[in-house]
Amino acid sequence: MQAFFRNQTSVGKVLDVGAQYCPYYPLFEDKCESYSSMDLVDTPLVDIACNAEDMPVEDASFDLVLCTQVLEHCLHPQKIIDECFRVLKPGGSLIVTVPSIYPVHGYPADNWRFMPDGLRYLLRAFTTVEVQGELDFPESLCNVICLYGHVITGRMGRVGKMVNPVWDCMMNVCARILSMAFTPFARTTFTAFTVNLWAMARK
């Protein structure tokens, strides 16, 4: 996300679907014409409180729509994608991120995991679609092992809380070493085994 916005000079009008705490806004606040945050839960940071399956937004209103880590929590992912398509201007872009291999994390529920082909199918109405893995194979493997470790340390009380930082550090070091070793054999955007998927779709 940082690399994407670093390379942009202007992003126009932005809609952040499922914004919650608006974590990405600082990356482009000086590059956008306007910013609107949308979430199911109404908070002081949310401009539009609604279910993203039925957005109270006019057609072709935004140049860029962000939908990050949202689709796994809804009942009808296609409806949200269709709404994102509707509110985008012709030539506008949608950035979607979704988990591919990740533990259950409810808010308000956790319903789906996505594969590259399935994500491309959801985005089939768009003119161009690019899907990438956000972590390569070694990084994803170490991340999964790390998360499984948390299942064990989570039952160890205070000891587990002390062990977690050491465990996380070990897995990060292993991921870095393995990634460097695998780089000649696998692209960094390897999608067959990745924790998270990133997609850029243009209307």
C-alpha atoms as a PDB file:
ATOM      1  CA  MET A   1       0.000   0.000   0.000  1.00  0.00           C
ATOM      2  CA  GLN A   2       2.848   2.376   0.831  1.00  0.00           C
ATOM      3  CA  ALA A   3       4.586   1.611  -2.466  1.00  0.00           C
ATOM      4  CA  PHE A   4       1.390   2.164  -4.450  1.00  0.00           C
ATOM      5  CA  PHE A   5       0.619   5.597  -3.007  1.00  0.00           C
ATOM      6  CA  ARG A   6       4.258   6.666  -3.073  1.00  0.00           C
ATOM      7  CA  ASN A   7       4.130   6.354  -6.856  1.00  0.00           C
ATOM      8  CA  GLN A   8       0.918   8.379  -7.251  1.00  0.00           C
ATOM      9  CA  THR A   9       0.862  12.133  -7.802  1.00  0.00           C
ATOM     10  CA  SER A  10      -2.919  12.419  -7.373  1.00  0.00           C
ATOM     11  CA  VAL A  11      -5.669   9.944  -6.485  1.00  0.00           C
ATOM     12  CA  GLY A  12      -8.739  12.170  -6.836  1.00  0.00           C
ATOM     13  CA  LYS A  13     -11.835  11.398  -4.783  1.00  0.00           C
ATOM     14  CA  VAL A  14     -11.356   8.381  -2.493  1.00  0.00           C
ATOM     15  CA  LEU A  15     -13.902   6.112  -0.821  1.00  0.00           C
ATOM     16  CA  ASP A  16     -12.606   3.816   1.919  1.00  0.00           C
ATOM     17  CA  VAL A  17     -15.042   0.903   2.361  1.00  0.00           C
ATOM     18  CA  GLY A  18     -14.796  -0.716   5.789  1.00  0.00           C
ATOM     19  CA  ALA A  19     -12.472   2.076   6.875  1.00  0.00           C
ATOM     20  CA  GLN A  20     -12.984   1.662  10.632  1.00  0.00           C
ATOM     21  CA  TYR A  21      -9.902   3.565  11.886  1.00  0.00           C
ATOM     22  CA  CYS A  22      -8.849   4.921   8.455  1.00  0.00           C
ATOM     23  CA  PRO A  23      -5.320   3.432   8.673  1.00  0.00           C
ATOM     24  CA  TYR A  24      -4.339   4.223   5.079  1.00  0.00           C
ATOM     25  CA  TYR A  25      -5.470   7.846   4.938  1.00  0.00           C
ATOM     26  CA  PRO A  26      -2.071   9.237   6.051  1.00  0.00           C
ATOM     27  CA  LEU A  27      -0.501   7.596   2.983  1.00  0.00           C
ATOM     28  CA  PHE A  28      -2.444   9.778   0.540  1.00  0.00           C
ATOM     29  CA  GLU A  29      -4.006  12.661   2.487  1.00  0.00           C
ATOM     30  CA  ASP A  30      -1.924  15.180   0.527  1.00  0.00           C
ATOM     31  CA  LYS A  31      -2.743  13.492  -2.803  1.00  0.00           C
ATOM     32  CA  CYS A  32      -6.537  13.193  -2.703  1.00  0.00           C
ATOM     33  CA  GLU A  33      -9.203  15.677  -3.684  1.00  0.00           C
ATOM     34  CA  SER A  34     -11.559  14.313  -1.019  1.00  0.00           C
ATOM     35  CA  TYR A  35     -11.756  11.332   1.338  1.00  0.00           C
ATOM     36  CA  SER A  36     -14.905   9.542   2.508  1.00  0.00           C
ATOM     37  CA  SER A  37     -14.813   6.734   5.062  1.00  0.00           C
ATOM     38  CA  MET A  38     -17.517   4.078   5.156  1.00  0.00           C
ATOM     39  CA  ASP A  39     -18.136   1.412   7.775  1.00  0.00           C
ATOM     40  CA  LEU A  40     -20.889  -0.751   9.195  1.00  0.00           C
ATOM     41  CA  VAL A  41     -20.267   0.740  12.653  1.00  0.00           C
ATOM     42  CA  ASP A  42     -20.841   4.455  13.146  1.00  0.00           C
ATOM     43  CA  THR A  43     -17.846   6.101  14.861  1.00  0.00           C
ATOM     44  CA  PRO A  44     -16.478   9.667  14.894  1.00  0.00           C
ATOM     45  CA  LEU A  45     -14.107   8.674  12.073  1.00  0.00           C
ATOM     46  CA  VAL A  46     -16.838   7.276   9.799  1.00  0.00           C
ATOM     47  CA  ASP A  47     -18.492   9.570   7.252  1.00  0.00           C
ATOM     48  CA  ILE A  48     -20.988   7.026   5.893  1.00  0.00           C
ATOM     49  CA  ALA A  49     -22.393   4.365   8.234  1.00  0.00           C
ATOM     50  CA  CYS A  50     -24.057   1.626   6.198  1.00  0.00           C
ATOM     51  CA  ASN A  51     -23.906  -1.929   4.917  1.00  0.00           C
ATOM     52  CA  ALA A  52     -21.552  -1.775   1.923  1.00  0.00           C
ATOM     53  CA  GLU A  53     -23.832  -4.164   0.045  1.00  0.00           C
ATOM     54  CA  ASP A  54     -26.162  -1.171  -0.471  1.00  0.00           C
ATOM     55  CA  MET A  55     -24.192   2.090  -0.469  1.00  0.00           C
ATOM     56  CA  PRO A  56     -26.121   5.383  -0.238  1.00  0.00           C
ATOM     57  CA  VAL A  57     -23.752   6.863  -2.820  1.00  0.00           C
ATOM     58  CA  GLU A  58     -24.421   8.162  -6.334  1.00  0.00           C
ATOM     59  CA  ASP A  59     -23.112   6.340  -9.402  1.00  0.00           C
ATOM     60  CA  ALA A  60     -19.643   7.261 -10.680  1.00  0.00           C
ATOM     61  CA  SER A  61     -18.745   9.404  -7.660  1.00  0.00           C
ATOM     62  CA  PHE A  62     -15.166   8.305  -6.882  1.00  0.00           C
ATOM     63  CA  ASP A  63     -11.813   7.929  -8.620  1.00  0.00           C
ATOM     64  CA  LEU A  64     -10.443   5.356  -6.170  1.00  0.00           C
ATOM     65  CA  VAL A  65     -12.166   2.881  -3.853  1.00  0.00           C
ATOM     66  CA  LEU A  66     -10.329   0.992  -1.118  1.00  0.00           C
ATOM     67  CA  CYS A  67     -11.839  -2.235   0.196  1.00  0.00           C
ATOM     68  CA  THR A  68      -9.247  -3.763   2.507  1.00  0.00           C
ATOM     69  CA  GLN A  69      -9.843  -6.837   4.653  1.00  0.00           C
ATOM     70  CA  VAL A  70     -13.610  -6.430   4.332  1.00  0.00           C
ATOM     71  CA  LEU A  71     -14.977  -9.143   2.039  1.00  0.00           C
ATOM     72  CA  GLU A  72     -14.258 -12.025   4.417  1.00  0.00           C
ATOM     73  CA  HIS A  73     -16.585 -10.454   6.993  1.00  0.00           C
ATOM     74  CA  CYS A  74     -19.658  -9.963   4.791  1.00  0.00           C
ATOM     75  CA  LEU A  75     -22.376 -12.350   3.677  1.00  0.00           C
ATOM     76  CA  HIS A  76     -22.366 -11.398  -0.008  1.00  0.00           C
ATOM     77  CA  PRO A  77     -18.898 -10.377  -1.298  1.00  0.00           C
ATOM     78  CA  GLN A  78     -20.144 -10.006  -4.875  1.00  0.00           C
ATOM     79  CA  LYS A  79     -22.692  -7.380  -3.826  1.00  0.00           C
ATOM     80  CA  ILE A  80     -19.968  -5.243  -2.259  1.00  0.00           C
ATOM     81  CA  ILE A  81     -17.740  -5.566  -5.329  1.00  0.00           C
ATOM     82  CA  ASP A  82     -20.699  -4.640  -7.561  1.00  0.00           C
ATOM     83  CA  GLU A  83     -21.375  -1.561  -5.435  1.00  0.00           C
ATOM     84  CA  CYS A  84     -17.714  -0.546  -5.602  1.00  0.00           C
ATOM     85  CA  PHE A  85     -17.915  -0.866  -9.398  1.00  0.00           C
ATOM     86  CA  ARG A  86     -21.084   1.249  -9.500  1.00  0.00           C
ATOM     87  CA  VAL A  87     -19.713   4.171  -7.471  1.00  0.00           C
ATOM     88  CA  LEU A  88     -16.423   4.315  -9.412  1.00  0.00           C
ATOM     89  CA  LYS A  89     -15.992   6.750 -12.265  1.00  0.00           C
ATOM     90  CA  PRO A  90     -15.088   5.263 -15.677  1.00  0.00           C
ATOM     91  CA  GLY A  91     -11.350   4.593 -15.541  1.00  0.00           C
ATOM     92  CA  GLY A  92     -11.419   4.602 -11.744  1.00  0.00           C
ATOM     93  CA  SER A  93      -9.609   1.993  -9.668  1.00  0.00           C
ATOM     94  CA  LEU A  94     -10.525  -0.416  -6.901  1.00  0.00           C
ATOM     95  CA  ILE A  95      -7.933  -1.779  -4.484  1.00  0.00           C
ATOM     96  CA  VAL A  96      -9.046  -4.946  -2.715  1.00  0.00           C
ATOM     97  CA  THR A  97      -7.167  -6.970  -0.111  1.00  0.00           C
ATOM     98  CA  VAL A  98      -8.461 -10.271   1.263  1.00  0.00           C
ATOM     99  CA  PRO A  99      -7.088 -13.098   3.417  1.00  0.00           C
ATOM    100  CA  SER A 100      -6.157 -16.330   1.697  1.00  0.00           C
ATOM    101  CA  ILE A 101      -4.642 -18.299   4.598  1.00  0.00           C
ATOM    102  CA  TYR A 102      -5.456 -16.783   7.965  1.00  0.00           C
ATOM    103  CA  PRO A 103      -7.070 -17.752  11.303  1.00  0.00           C
ATOM    104  CA  VAL A 104     -10.664 -16.912  12.132  1.00  0.00           C
ATOM    105  CA  HIS A 105     -11.023 -13.281  13.200  1.00  0.00           C
ATOM    106  CA  GLY A 106     -14.609 -12.148  13.671  1.00  0.00           C
ATOM    107  CA  TYR A 107     -15.922  -8.596  13.130  1.00  0.00           C
ATOM    108  CA  PRO A 108     -18.843  -8.995  13.125  1.00  0.00           C
ATOM    109  CA  ALA A 109     -18.285 -12.463  11.604  1.00  0.00           C
ATOM    110  CA  ASP A 110     -15.613 -14.229   9.554  1.00  0.00           C
ATOM    111  CA  ASN A 111     -17.133 -16.082   6.596  1.00  0.00           C
ATOM    112  CA  TRP A 112     -14.721 -16.450   3.669  1.00  0.00           C
ATOM    113  CA  ARG A 113     -11.189 -17.099   2.422  1.00  0.00           C
ATOM    114  CA  PHE A 114     -10.178 -16.286  -1.144  1.00  0.00           C
ATOM    115  CA  MET A 115      -8.028 -17.807  -3.874  1.00  0.00           C
ATOM    116  CA  PRO A 116      -6.661 -15.795  -6.854  1.00  0.00           C
ATOM    117  CA  ASP A 117      -9.112 -17.262  -9.383  1.00  0.00           C
ATOM    118  CA  GLY A 118     -12.068 -16.638  -7.080  1.00  0.00           C
ATOM    119  CA  LEU A 119     -11.000 -13.038  -6.532  1.00  0.00           C
ATOM    120  CA  ARG A 120     -10.617 -12.505 -10.270  1.00  0.00           C
ATOM    121  CA  TYR A 121     -14.126 -13.891 -10.744  1.00  0.00           C
ATOM    122  CA  LEU A 122     -15.555 -11.412  -8.225  1.00  0.00           C
ATOM    123  CA  LEU A 123     -13.833  -8.621 -10.185  1.00  0.00           C
ATOM    124  CA  ARG A 124     -14.842  -9.878 -13.646  1.00  0.00           C
ATOM    125  CA  ALA A 125     -16.853  -6.737 -14.500  1.00  0.00           C
ATOM    126  CA  PHE A 126     -13.693  -4.603 -14.428  1.00  0.00           C
ATOM    127  CA  THR A 127     -11.647  -3.904 -17.556  1.00  0.00           C
ATOM    128  CA  THR A 128      -8.304  -4.946 -16.084  1.00  0.00           C
ATOM    129  CA  VAL A 129      -7.507  -6.926 -12.937  1.00  0.00           C
ATOM    130  CA  GLU A 130      -4.129  -7.631 -11.343  1.00  0.00           C
ATOM    131  CA  VAL A 131      -3.869 -10.032  -8.400  1.00  0.00           C
ATOM    132  CA  GLN A 132      -0.732 -10.433  -6.287  1.00  0.00           C
ATOM    133  CA  GLY A 133       0.246 -12.287  -3.149  1.00  0.00           C
ATOM    134  CA  GLU A 134       1.147  -9.836  -0.391  1.00  0.00           C
ATOM    135  CA  LEU A 135       3.635 -12.294   1.086  1.00  0.00           C
ATOM    136  CA  ASP A 136       5.714 -14.757  -0.889  1.00  0.00           C
ATOM    137  CA  PHE A 137       5.808 -18.492  -0.147  1.00  0.00           C
ATOM    138  CA  PRO A 138       8.545 -18.578   2.559  1.00  0.00           C
ATOM    139  CA  GLU A 139       7.084 -15.544   4.337  1.00  0.00           C
ATOM    140  CA  SER A 140       3.599 -17.029   4.238  1.00  0.00           C
ATOM    141  CA  LEU A 141       4.820 -20.398   5.494  1.00  0.00           C
ATOM    142  CA  CYS A 142       6.602 -18.795   8.447  1.00  0.00           C
ATOM    143  CA  ASN A 143       3.579 -16.605   9.134  1.00  0.00           C
ATOM    144  CA  VAL A 144       1.303 -19.650   9.314  1.00  0.00           C
ATOM    145  CA  ILE A 145       3.748 -21.438  11.651  1.00  0.00           C
ATOM    146  CA  CYS A 146       3.929 -18.290  13.763  1.00  0.00           C
ATOM    147  CA  LEU A 147       0.139 -18.105  14.035  1.00  0.00           C
ATOM    148  CA  TYR A 148      -0.083 -21.774  14.982  1.00  0.00           C
ATOM    149  CA  GLY A 149       2.462 -21.039  17.700  1.00  0.00           C
ATOM    150  CA  HIS A 150       0.137 -18.365  19.065  1.00  0.00           C
ATOM    151  CA  VAL A 151      -2.547 -21.022  19.493  1.00  0.00           C
ATOM    152  CA  ILE A 152      -0.208 -22.728  21.965  1.00  0.00           C
ATOM    153  CA  THR A 153       1.166 -19.612  23.677  1.00  0.00           C
ATOM    154  CA  GLY A 154      -2.369 -18.256  24.002  1.00  0.00           C
ATOM    155  CA  ARG A 155      -3.025 -21.029  26.536  1.00  0.00           C
ATOM    156  CA  MET A 156       0.104 -20.331  28.571  1.00  0.00           C
ATOM    157  CA  GLY A 157      -1.085 -17.171  30.320  1.00  0.00           C
ATOM    158  CA  ARG A 158       1.688 -14.757  31.315  1.00  0.00           C
ATOM    159  CA  VAL A 159       4.385 -17.126  30.110  1.00  0.00           C
ATOM    160  CA  GLY A 160       2.810 -17.127  26.671  1.00  0.00           C
ATOM    161  CA  LYS A 161       2.818 -13.316  26.556  1.00  0.00           C
ATOM    162  CA  MET A 162       6.526 -13.375  27.351  1.00  0.00           C
ATOM    163  CA  VAL A 163       7.257 -16.055  24.750  1.00  0.00           C
ATOM    164  CA  ASN A 164       5.299 -14.389  21.899  1.00  0.00           C
ATOM    165  CA  PRO A 165       7.796 -11.588  21.098  1.00  0.00           C
ATOM    166  CA  VAL A 166      10.682 -14.081  20.961  1.00  0.00           C
ATOM    167  CA  TRP A 167       8.639 -16.506  18.852  1.00  0.00           C
ATOM    168  CA  ASP A 168       7.552 -13.733  16.477  1.00  0.00           C
ATOM    169  CA  CYS A 169      11.125 -12.524  16.083  1.00  0.00           C
ATOM    170  CA  MET A 170      12.372 -16.047  15.337  1.00  0.00           C
ATOM    171  CA  MET A 171       9.716 -16.558  12.669  1.00  0.00           C
ATOM    172  CA  ASN A 172      10.470 -13.187  11.072  1.00  0.00           C
ATOM    173  CA  VAL A 173      14.160 -14.030  10.871  1.00  0.00           C
ATOM    174  CA  CYS A 174      13.353 -17.445   9.383  1.00  0.00           C
ATOM    175  CA  ALA A 175      11.017 -15.824   6.854  1.00  0.00           C
ATOM    176  CA  ARG A 176      13.700 -13.383   5.765  1.00  0.00           C
ATOM    177  CA  ILE A 177      16.365 -16.076   5.382  1.00  0.00           C
ATOM    178  CA  LEU A 178      14.068 -18.458   3.492  1.00  0.00           C
ATOM    179  CA  SER A 179      12.762 -15.664   1.293  1.00  0.00           C
ATOM    180  CA  MET A 180      16.287 -14.718   0.240  1.00  0.00           C
ATOM    181  CA  ALA A 181      17.047 -18.384  -0.487  1.00  0.00           C
ATOM    182  CA  PHE A 182      13.853 -18.912  -2.519  1.00  0.00           C
ATOM    183  CA  THR A 183      13.954 -15.637  -4.479  1.00  0.00           C
ATOM    184  CA  PRO A 184      15.831 -17.141  -7.466  1.00  0.00           C
ATOM    185  CA  PHE A 185      13.150 -19.846  -7.781  1.00  0.00           C
ATOM    186  CA  ALA A 186       9.857 -18.109  -6.980  1.00  0.00           C
ATOM    187  CA  ARG A 187       8.490 -14.659  -7.754  1.00  0.00           C
ATOM    188  CA  THR A 188       7.793 -12.385  -4.796  1.00  0.00           C
ATOM    189  CA  THR A 189       4.171 -12.151  -5.966  1.00  0.00           C
ATOM    190  CA  PHE A 190       3.713 -15.917  -5.682  1.00  0.00           C
ATOM    191  CA  THR A 191      -0.029 -16.510  -5.139  1.00  0.00           C
ATOM    192  CA  ALA A 192      -0.354 -20.286  -4.748  1.00  0.00           C
ATOM    193  CA  PHE A 193       0.453 -20.099  -1.027  1.00  0.00           C
ATOM    194  CA  THR A 194       0.121 -16.628   0.441  1.00  0.00           C
ATOM    195  CA  VAL A 195      -1.431 -15.238   3.595  1.00  0.00           C
ATOM    196  CA  ASN A 196      -3.096 -12.295   1.867  1.00  0.00           C
ATOM    197  CA  LEU A 197      -4.080 -11.245  -1.651  1.00  0.00           C
ATOM    198  CA  TRP A 198      -3.930  -7.764  -3.155  1.00  0.00           C
ATOM    199  CA  ALA A 199      -5.928  -6.858  -6.253  1.00  0.00           C
ATOM    200  CA  MET A 200      -5.985  -3.741  -8.391  1.00  0.00           C
ATOM    201  CA  ALA A 201      -8.992  -3.488 -10.703  1.00  0.00           C
ATOM    202  CA  ARG A 202      -9.682  -0.697 -13.188  1.00  0.00           C
ATOM    203  CA  LYS A 203     -13.207   0.114 -14.368  1.00  0.00           C
END
